[in-house]
Amino acid sequence: MSKDTTAEESPPDQSPRELRAAPASEADTPSSRVEKFGGDKALRLDSGTVLDPWQIAYETYGTLNEDRSNAILVCHALTGDQYVASPNPLTGKPGWWSLLVGPGKPVDTDRFFVICANVLGGCLGTTGPASTNPATGRRWGLDLPLVTIRDMVRAQAVLLDHLGIETLFSVVGGSMGGMQVLQWAVSYPERVFSAVPIAAAARHSSQNIAFHEVGRQAVMADPNWCGGRYFERGVRPSKGLAVARMAAHITYLSDPALHRKFGRNLQDREAITFGFDADFQIESYLRHQGMTFVDRFDPNSYLYVTRAMDYFDLAADFGGSLPRAFLHSPTRFCVMSFTSDWLFPTAESKAVVKALNAAAANVSFVEVESDRGHDAFLLDEPEMFRTVLGFLTGAAHARGIAPPAGGAA
């Protein structure tokens, strides 16, 4: 998932060579906190296989209160990471949701203890295809079993057990993060007091699966992919991953946003060149998005995490009935969508709300007016901020969580 709708620049103190090498080291020894598990904490996956040992990387913000009732789990989107409110060690950029999470922000780290973990299958410290397989001493590559959204949530639950957190005040996330929020509410309803799924759905649509397949095929068609063993060959399928990112990034935006920002403006030229260089600003922008993405993300992780989203279908284990998935849920829900999001359109969020209503769950719904497309959940959207703040404030009152000293209730 893109962090914003402006071109990303590499930090001046790191060369492209250093940036490209960084994901490999971060996969095993991340800059963040990391916990390692095995033995009686081995992780059984939906595929039927077992990861033993495995590890999970995470960051925390704020302070856990005495009765451990103020913990919020933030779940990241497709290409996000654990650095929700702190600088990314690869790019030097601020946390990907620092507009929402931090002191005095809607997810207030003066009031709440926030945890954000890199997902299973990721590439910044949690076990994924770029991690070292302890059985072989080589990168896992495609030998890693496929993972699901539910597997990601299971891993997070083990981490919370380790941290001594029995229940979460809230789980918050957008896009794939929103899928994790919904899975938490279904897998561990007794552990989730409130849930905020944003710009998400209860299952991946055929259109979205199709977009992901285009991206995966772009990666695998790159000669440097080498059947997933590019680390051992000393190469990297950068061109294929960049194309995958370009195609995906288009789906995160809206036509009005693209037109407003780029229109048919030419890129550093007075006239078209009658060639295949980047004549238009939108072409240059997408190429830049693609090439900066390959410096911070592992190509095999892209295959794994997109596949996890494709497999997501909450109702599948309940005879195809989404209301049954939420039956007797004690969780308070706030579901949000955006008017111009065509990747996860409002109809998908309304289907979740309808199912929650049918299950007699406690649910509120807000459709945020925005022309910024799917990426709106990562951007400066005051209505989204007000909604999250209002919902968490009300839920905190209901749970008896006090405001910070000197802070407003």
Protein backbone atom coordinates (compact mmCIF):
# COMPACT_ATOMS: atom_id res chain seq x y z
CA MET A 1 0.00 0.00 0.00
CA SER A 2 1.36 3.39 -0.86
CA LYS A 3 2.07 5.84 1.91
CA ASP A 4 0.92 8.93 0.06
CA THR A 5 0.09 10.29 -3.35
CA THR A 6 3.27 12.26 -3.80
CA ALA A 7 6.50 10.96 -5.28
CA GLU A 8 8.81 9.36 -2.72
CA GLU A 9 12.48 10.33 -2.65
CA SER A 10 15.38 8.27 -1.27
CA PRO A 11 16.99 9.80 1.85
CA PRO A 12 20.15 11.68 0.92
CA ASP A 13 22.40 9.77 3.33
CA GLN A 14 21.80 6.36 1.73
CA SER A 15 22.87 5.24 -1.69
CA PRO A 16 20.57 3.08 -3.84
CA ARG A 17 22.98 0.16 -3.35
CA GLU A 18 22.67 0.44 0.45
CA LEU A 19 18.91 0.72 0.25
CA ARG A 20 18.57 -2.37 -1.94
CA ALA A 21 20.70 -4.42 0.45
CA ALA A 22 18.82 -3.33 3.55
CA PRO A 23 15.65 -5.49 3.27
CA ALA A 24 17.74 -8.68 3.43
CA SER A 25 19.29 -7.76 6.79
CA GLU A 26 16.04 -6.33 8.15
CA ALA A 27 14.31 -9.65 7.44
CA ASP A 28 16.37 -11.45 10.12
CA THR A 29 17.60 -8.71 12.42
CA PRO A 30 15.12 -5.82 12.21
CA SER A 31 15.72 -2.38 13.65
CA SER A 32 12.56 -2.80 15.73
CA ARG A 33 11.78 -5.13 18.60
CA VAL A 34 11.56 -8.81 17.76
CA GLU A 35 10.33 -11.88 19.63
CA LYS A 36 11.27 -15.44 18.71
CA PHE A 37 9.06 -18.45 19.34
CA GLY A 38 9.19 -22.20 18.90
CA GLY A 39 8.52 -25.48 20.68
CA ASP A 40 5.20 -25.12 22.49
CA LYS A 41 4.78 -21.77 20.70
CA ALA A 42 5.22 -23.24 17.22
CA LEU A 43 2.77 -21.69 14.78
CA ARG A 44 0.32 -24.01 13.03
CA LEU A 45 -0.81 -22.49 9.73
CA ASP A 46 -4.07 -22.82 7.80
CA SER A 47 -2.15 -24.83 5.20
CA GLY A 48 -1.61 -27.54 7.83
CA THR A 49 2.12 -26.92 8.13
CA VAL A 50 3.93 -25.74 11.25
CA LEU A 51 6.49 -22.96 11.61
CA ASP A 52 9.02 -23.86 14.29
CA PRO A 53 10.89 -21.67 15.07
CA TRP A 54 9.48 -18.33 13.90
CA GLN A 55 9.72 -14.69 14.88
CA ILE A 56 7.66 -11.52 14.84
CA ALA A 57 8.92 -7.91 14.68
CA TYR A 58 6.98 -5.08 16.24
CA GLU A 59 7.03 -1.55 17.63
CA THR A 60 5.18 -0.15 20.64
CA TYR A 61 4.19 3.40 21.56
CA GLY A 62 2.82 4.82 24.79
CA THR A 63 2.47 3.08 28.16
CA LEU A 64 0.42 0.05 29.14
CA ASN A 65 -1.77 1.01 32.10
CA GLU A 66 -1.87 -0.90 35.36
CA ASP A 67 -4.84 -3.10 34.51
CA ARG A 68 -3.59 -3.61 30.92
CA SER A 69 -6.87 -2.36 29.48
CA ASN A 70 -5.60 0.36 27.11
CA ALA A 71 -3.80 -1.64 24.43
CA ILE A 72 -4.56 -0.90 20.78
CA LEU A 73 -3.28 -3.14 18.00
CA VAL A 74 -2.75 -1.32 14.71
CA CYS A 75 -2.66 -3.66 11.69
CA HIS A 76 -0.79 -2.55 8.61
CA ALA A 77 -1.78 -2.77 4.96
CA LEU A 78 -0.25 -4.75 2.09
CA THR A 79 3.21 -3.18 1.89
CA GLY A 80 3.18 -1.47 5.27
CA ASP A 81 5.28 -2.37 8.29
CA GLN A 82 5.56 -2.08 12.05
CA TYR A 83 6.73 1.54 11.89
CA VAL A 84 3.27 3.06 12.19
CA ALA A 85 4.37 6.17 14.10
CA SER A 86 8.18 6.12 13.95
CA PRO A 87 10.69 6.56 11.12
CA ASN A 88 11.15 3.68 8.69
CA PRO A 89 14.79 2.48 8.92
CA LEU A 90 14.99 1.86 5.17
CA THR A 91 13.57 5.14 3.90
CA GLY A 92 13.98 7.51 6.82
CA LYS A 93 10.40 8.62 6.27
CA PRO A 94 7.93 9.22 9.14
CA GLY A 95 5.65 6.41 10.26
CA TRP A 96 3.08 5.46 7.64
CA TRP A 97 0.13 6.45 9.88
CA SER A 98 1.75 9.20 11.93
CA LEU A 99 -1.18 11.46 10.99
CA LEU A 100 -3.48 9.20 13.01
CA VAL A 101 -1.23 7.65 15.67
CA GLY A 102 0.82 9.62 18.18
CA PRO A 103 0.62 11.99 21.16
CA GLY A 104 -2.63 13.95 20.97
CA LYS A 105 -3.66 12.20 17.73
CA PRO A 106 -6.94 10.26 17.36
CA VAL A 107 -5.07 7.09 18.37
CA ASP A 108 -3.50 8.93 21.27
CA THR A 109 -0.26 7.39 22.52
CA ASP A 110 -0.53 9.59 25.64
CA ARG A 111 -3.65 7.60 26.49
CA PHE A 112 -3.23 4.24 24.79
CA PHE A 113 -0.51 1.61 24.46
CA VAL A 114 -0.15 0.98 20.73
CA ILE A 115 1.35 -2.16 19.22
CA CYS A 116 2.06 -2.62 15.51
CA ALA A 117 3.66 -5.81 14.18
CA ASN A 118 5.09 -6.69 10.79
CA VAL A 119 2.79 -9.33 9.31
CA LEU A 120 3.71 -12.98 8.88
CA GLY A 121 5.09 -13.28 5.35
CA GLY A 122 6.45 -9.73 5.51
CA CYS A 123 10.05 -8.66 5.02
CA LEU A 124 10.93 -6.39 7.94
CA GLY A 125 11.63 -8.87 10.70
CA THR A 126 8.66 -11.21 10.94
CA THR A 127 9.21 -14.64 9.43
CA GLY A 128 8.73 -14.38 5.67
CA PRO A 129 10.32 -15.59 2.43
CA ALA A 130 13.29 -13.22 2.87
CA SER A 131 14.03 -14.69 6.33
CA THR A 132 16.63 -17.38 6.86
CA ASN A 133 15.24 -20.91 7.05
CA PRO A 134 16.93 -22.38 10.16
CA ALA A 135 16.79 -25.86 8.64
CA THR A 136 18.87 -24.92 5.60
CA GLY A 137 20.68 -21.70 6.46
CA ARG A 138 19.30 -20.21 3.22
CA ARG A 139 16.54 -17.69 2.62
CA TRP A 140 13.15 -19.36 2.78
CA GLY A 141 12.13 -18.18 -0.68
CA LEU A 142 9.20 -20.21 -1.96
CA ASP A 143 9.93 -23.00 0.54
CA LEU A 144 8.03 -20.95 3.11
CA PRO A 145 4.46 -22.26 3.42
CA LEU A 146 1.79 -19.90 2.14
CA VAL A 147 0.16 -17.83 4.86
CA THR A 148 -3.32 -16.39 5.34
CA ILE A 149 -4.79 -13.36 7.06
CA ARG A 150 -5.86 -15.69 9.87
CA ASP A 151 -2.25 -16.92 10.20
CA MET A 152 -1.11 -13.30 10.53
CA VAL A 153 -3.66 -12.77 13.32
CA ARG A 154 -2.61 -16.00 15.08
CA ALA A 155 0.97 -14.74 15.13
CA GLN A 156 -0.15 -11.41 16.59
CA ALA A 157 -2.15 -13.24 19.26
CA VAL A 158 0.97 -15.17 20.33
CA LEU A 159 2.86 -11.88 20.59
CA LEU A 160 0.14 -10.35 22.76
CA ASP A 161 0.18 -13.42 25.01
CA HIS A 162 3.93 -12.92 25.39
CA LEU A 163 3.40 -9.26 26.27
CA GLY A 164 0.83 -10.23 28.89
CA ILE A 165 -2.08 -8.55 27.11
CA GLU A 166 -5.20 -10.68 27.44
CA THR A 167 -7.65 -8.27 25.82
CA LEU A 168 -7.29 -5.41 23.37
CA PHE A 169 -9.11 -2.15 23.88
CA SER A 170 -9.22 -1.82 20.10
CA VAL A 171 -7.90 -3.21 16.83
CA VAL A 172 -7.53 -0.62 14.06
CA GLY A 173 -6.44 -0.98 10.44
CA GLY A 174 -7.13 -0.10 6.83
CA SER A 175 -7.20 -2.20 3.65
CA MET A 176 -5.39 -5.47 4.43
CA GLY A 177 -5.10 -4.08 7.94
CA GLY A 178 -8.90 -3.85 8.00
CA MET A 179 -9.09 -7.50 6.98
CA GLN A 180 -6.94 -8.35 9.99
CA VAL A 181 -9.24 -6.27 12.20
CA LEU A 182 -12.26 -8.27 11.03
CA GLN A 183 -10.38 -11.56 11.45
CA TRP A 184 -9.43 -10.60 15.01
CA ALA A 185 -13.08 -9.94 15.82
CA VAL A 186 -14.07 -13.34 14.45
CA SER A 187 -11.14 -15.45 15.72
CA TYR A 188 -10.83 -13.84 19.16
CA PRO A 189 -14.08 -11.95 19.89
CA GLU A 190 -13.55 -12.22 23.64
CA ARG A 191 -10.19 -10.44 23.29
CA VAL A 192 -11.41 -7.45 21.25
CA PHE A 193 -13.39 -4.70 23.02
CA SER A 194 -13.66 -2.52 19.91
CA ALA A 195 -12.73 -2.74 16.25
CA VAL A 196 -12.17 -0.15 13.50
CA PRO A 197 -11.94 -1.71 10.03
CA ILE A 198 -11.33 1.02 7.43
CA ALA A 199 -11.57 0.69 3.62
CA ALA A 200 -11.75 -3.08 3.86
CA ALA A 201 -13.99 -6.04 3.02
CA ALA A 202 -14.98 -9.43 4.40
CA ARG A 203 -13.49 -11.14 1.35
CA HIS A 204 -11.30 -10.28 -1.60
CA SER A 205 -13.24 -9.66 -4.81
CA SER A 206 -12.48 -11.40 -8.09
CA GLN A 207 -11.39 -8.04 -9.54
CA ASN A 208 -8.88 -7.54 -6.75
CA ILE A 209 -7.59 -11.09 -7.12
CA ALA A 210 -7.13 -10.34 -10.81
CA PHE A 211 -5.08 -7.21 -10.11
CA HIS A 212 -2.90 -9.17 -7.70
CA GLU A 213 -2.34 -11.92 -10.24
CA VAL A 214 -1.10 -9.35 -12.76
CA GLY A 215 1.39 -8.11 -10.15
CA ARG A 216 2.59 -11.57 -9.24
CA GLN A 217 3.05 -12.53 -12.87
CA ALA A 218 5.08 -9.36 -13.44
CA VAL A 219 7.44 -10.37 -10.61
CA MET A 220 7.73 -13.99 -11.74
CA ALA A 221 8.26 -13.03 -15.39
CA ASP A 222 11.39 -11.04 -14.48
CA PRO A 223 14.42 -13.20 -15.47
CA ASN A 224 16.09 -12.17 -12.21
CA TRP A 225 13.34 -13.78 -10.14
CA CYS A 226 15.08 -17.15 -10.64
CA GLY A 227 12.19 -19.20 -9.28
CA GLY A 228 12.31 -17.18 -6.08
CA ARG A 229 16.05 -17.86 -5.47
CA TYR A 230 17.36 -14.44 -6.50
CA PHE A 231 19.18 -13.94 -3.17
CA GLU A 232 21.40 -16.93 -3.92
CA ARG A 233 22.11 -15.68 -7.44
CA GLY A 234 23.03 -12.20 -6.23
CA VAL A 235 20.31 -10.57 -8.36
CA ARG A 236 16.90 -9.04 -7.76
CA PRO A 237 13.73 -8.93 -9.92
CA SER A 238 13.49 -5.16 -9.52
CA LYS A 239 11.87 -4.48 -12.88
CA GLY A 240 9.11 -7.01 -12.33
CA LEU A 241 8.38 -5.78 -8.81
CA ALA A 242 8.37 -2.17 -10.01
CA VAL A 243 5.78 -3.00 -12.68
CA ALA A 244 3.68 -4.81 -10.07
CA ARG A 245 3.83 -1.76 -7.85
CA MET A 246 2.91 0.58 -10.71
CA ALA A 247 -0.16 -1.46 -11.58
CA ALA A 248 -1.25 -1.73 -7.95
CA HIS A 249 -0.67 1.96 -7.24
CA ILE A 250 -3.19 2.93 -9.92
CA THR A 251 -5.85 1.02 -7.99
CA TYR A 252 -5.12 3.00 -4.83
CA LEU A 253 -6.02 6.31 -6.45
CA SER A 254 -9.14 7.74 -8.08
CA ASP A 255 -9.62 9.22 -11.52
CA PRO A 256 -10.45 12.70 -10.11
CA ALA A 257 -7.32 12.63 -7.94
CA LEU A 258 -5.13 11.58 -10.86
CA HIS A 259 -6.66 14.21 -13.12
CA ARG A 260 -6.28 16.95 -10.52
CA LYS A 261 -2.65 16.10 -9.85
CA PHE A 262 -1.44 15.18 -13.35
CA GLY A 263 -4.05 15.65 -16.04
CA ARG A 264 -2.28 15.18 -19.37
CA ASN A 265 0.65 17.36 -18.34
CA LEU A 266 3.97 16.60 -19.98
CA GLN A 267 7.05 15.71 -17.96
CA ASP A 268 9.90 18.24 -18.37
CA ARG A 269 9.23 18.83 -22.07
CA GLU A 270 7.29 21.13 -24.34
CA ALA A 271 5.97 18.49 -26.76
CA ILE A 272 5.53 14.75 -27.07
CA THR A 273 8.63 12.85 -28.22
CA PHE A 274 6.97 10.23 -30.43
CA GLY A 275 8.79 7.58 -28.41
CA PHE A 276 8.36 5.43 -25.31
CA ASP A 277 10.06 7.64 -22.78
CA ALA A 278 7.92 9.10 -19.98
CA ASP A 279 6.25 11.90 -21.95
CA PHE A 280 3.50 12.41 -19.34
CA GLN A 281 3.88 13.31 -15.67
CA ILE A 282 1.71 10.37 -14.64
CA GLU A 283 4.12 7.99 -16.40
CA SER A 284 7.11 9.49 -14.62
CA TYR A 285 5.28 9.37 -11.29
CA LEU A 286 4.39 5.69 -11.65
CA ARG A 287 7.93 4.78 -12.68
CA HIS A 288 9.26 6.59 -9.64
CA GLN A 289 6.77 4.83 -7.37
CA GLY A 290 7.83 1.49 -8.80
CA MET A 291 11.57 1.99 -8.48
CA THR A 292 11.49 3.43 -4.95
CA PHE A 293 9.28 0.56 -3.81
CA VAL A 294 11.84 -2.09 -4.79
CA ASP A 295 14.34 -0.54 -2.36
CA ARG A 296 12.16 -1.30 0.65
CA PHE A 297 10.21 -4.46 -0.15
CA ASP A 298 11.05 -8.07 -0.91
CA PRO A 299 9.60 -9.44 -4.18
CA ASN A 300 8.72 -12.84 -2.72
CA SER A 301 6.98 -11.15 0.20
CA TYR A 302 4.86 -9.33 -2.36
CA LEU A 303 3.76 -12.72 -3.73
CA TYR A 304 2.97 -14.10 -0.29
CA VAL A 305 1.09 -11.15 1.14
CA THR A 306 -1.03 -10.56 -1.97
CA ARG A 307 -1.93 -14.26 -1.94
CA ALA A 308 -2.98 -14.00 1.71
CA MET A 309 -5.39 -11.23 0.76
CA ASP A 310 -6.75 -13.30 -2.13
CA TYR A 311 -7.53 -16.22 0.18
CA PHE A 312 -9.39 -14.03 2.68
CA ASP A 313 -13.09 -14.89 3.01
CA LEU A 314 -14.55 -14.52 6.50
CA ALA A 315 -17.81 -16.28 5.69
CA ALA A 316 -16.17 -19.41 4.22
CA ASP A 317 -15.91 -21.17 7.59
CA PHE A 318 -19.52 -20.34 8.43
CA GLY A 319 -21.34 -21.97 5.55
CA GLY A 320 -21.00 -18.82 3.48
CA SER A 321 -22.98 -16.81 6.03
CA LEU A 322 -21.22 -13.63 7.13
CA PRO A 323 -23.75 -12.90 9.94
CA ARG A 324 -22.91 -16.28 11.48
CA ALA A 325 -19.25 -15.23 11.64
CA PHE A 326 -20.22 -12.36 13.94
CA LEU A 327 -22.96 -14.10 15.93
CA HIS A 328 -22.95 -13.11 19.63
CA SER A 329 -19.95 -10.85 19.09
CA PRO A 330 -19.31 -8.63 22.14
CA THR A 331 -17.11 -6.27 20.11
CA ARG A 332 -18.07 -2.66 19.34
CA PHE A 333 -17.47 -1.88 15.66
CA CYS A 334 -16.90 1.32 13.74
CA VAL A 335 -16.78 0.57 9.99
CA MET A 336 -15.51 3.23 7.58
CA SER A 337 -15.33 3.58 3.79
CA PHE A 338 -14.54 6.32 1.26
CA THR A 339 -16.81 7.52 -1.52
CA SER A 340 -14.16 7.31 -4.27
CA ASP A 341 -12.58 4.01 -3.22
CA TRP A 342 -13.15 1.62 -6.11
CA LEU A 343 -10.69 -1.01 -4.84
CA PHE A 344 -12.70 -1.59 -1.65
CA PRO A 345 -15.92 0.24 -2.46
CA THR A 346 -18.49 1.33 0.10
CA ALA A 347 -20.75 -1.58 -0.88
CA GLU A 348 -18.16 -3.97 0.62
CA SER A 349 -18.20 -2.12 3.94
CA LYS A 350 -21.99 -1.97 3.92
CA ALA A 351 -22.08 -5.76 3.48
CA VAL A 352 -20.05 -6.07 6.69
CA VAL A 353 -22.36 -3.61 8.48
CA LYS A 354 -25.42 -5.52 7.27
CA ALA A 355 -23.98 -8.77 8.57
CA LEU A 356 -23.13 -7.18 11.93
CA ASN A 357 -26.67 -5.81 12.20
CA ALA A 358 -28.08 -9.24 11.37
CA ALA A 359 -25.92 -10.70 14.15
CA ALA A 360 -27.21 -8.03 16.58
CA ALA A 361 -23.71 -6.63 17.02
CA ASN A 362 -22.91 -3.10 18.17
CA VAL A 363 -21.92 -1.27 14.97
CA SER A 364 -21.68 2.24 13.58
CA PHE A 365 -20.85 3.14 9.98
CA VAL A 366 -19.38 6.23 8.32
CA GLU A 367 -18.81 6.82 4.63
CA VAL A 368 -16.19 9.56 4.31
CA GLU A 369 -16.59 11.97 1.40
CA SER A 370 -13.24 12.03 -0.41
CA ASP A 371 -12.06 12.01 -4.01
CA ARG A 372 -8.65 10.52 -3.13
CA GLY A 373 -9.53 6.87 -3.69
CA HIS A 374 -8.44 3.92 -1.58
CA ASP A 375 -5.32 5.69 -0.31
CA ALA A 376 -7.51 8.23 1.49
CA PHE A 377 -7.21 6.22 4.70
CA LEU A 378 -3.49 7.03 4.82
CA LEU A 379 -3.91 10.73 4.10
CA ASP A 380 -5.07 13.87 5.87
CA GLU A 381 -8.82 13.21 6.03
CA PRO A 382 -10.35 15.26 8.88
CA GLU A 383 -13.67 13.39 8.84
CA MET A 384 -11.85 10.08 9.29
CA PHE A 385 -9.82 11.55 12.16
CA ARG A 386 -12.94 12.91 13.85
CA THR A 387 -14.70 9.57 13.48
CA VAL A 388 -11.82 7.55 14.94
CA LEU A 389 -11.38 10.03 17.79
CA GLY A 390 -15.07 10.08 18.61
CA PHE A 391 -15.44 6.31 18.50
CA LEU A 392 -12.35 5.58 20.60
CA THR A 393 -13.30 8.29 23.11
CA GLY A 394 -16.75 6.78 23.58
CA ALA A 395 -15.35 3.25 23.80
CA ALA A 396 -12.74 4.39 26.34
CA HIS A 397 -15.48 5.88 28.53
CA ALA A 398 -17.39 2.60 28.28
CA ARG A 399 -14.33 0.62 29.33
CA GLY A 400 -13.34 3.03 32.08
CA ILE A 401 -10.04 4.14 30.57
CA ALA A 402 -9.03 7.47 32.06
CA PRO A 403 -7.73 10.33 29.92
CA PRO A 404 -4.05 11.30 30.31
CA ALA A 405 -3.17 13.60 33.18
CA GLY A 406 -4.24 17.11 32.26
CA GLY A 407 -5.86 15.84 29.08
CA ALA A 408 -9.45 16.19 27.90
CA ALA A 409 -11.91 13.38 28.49
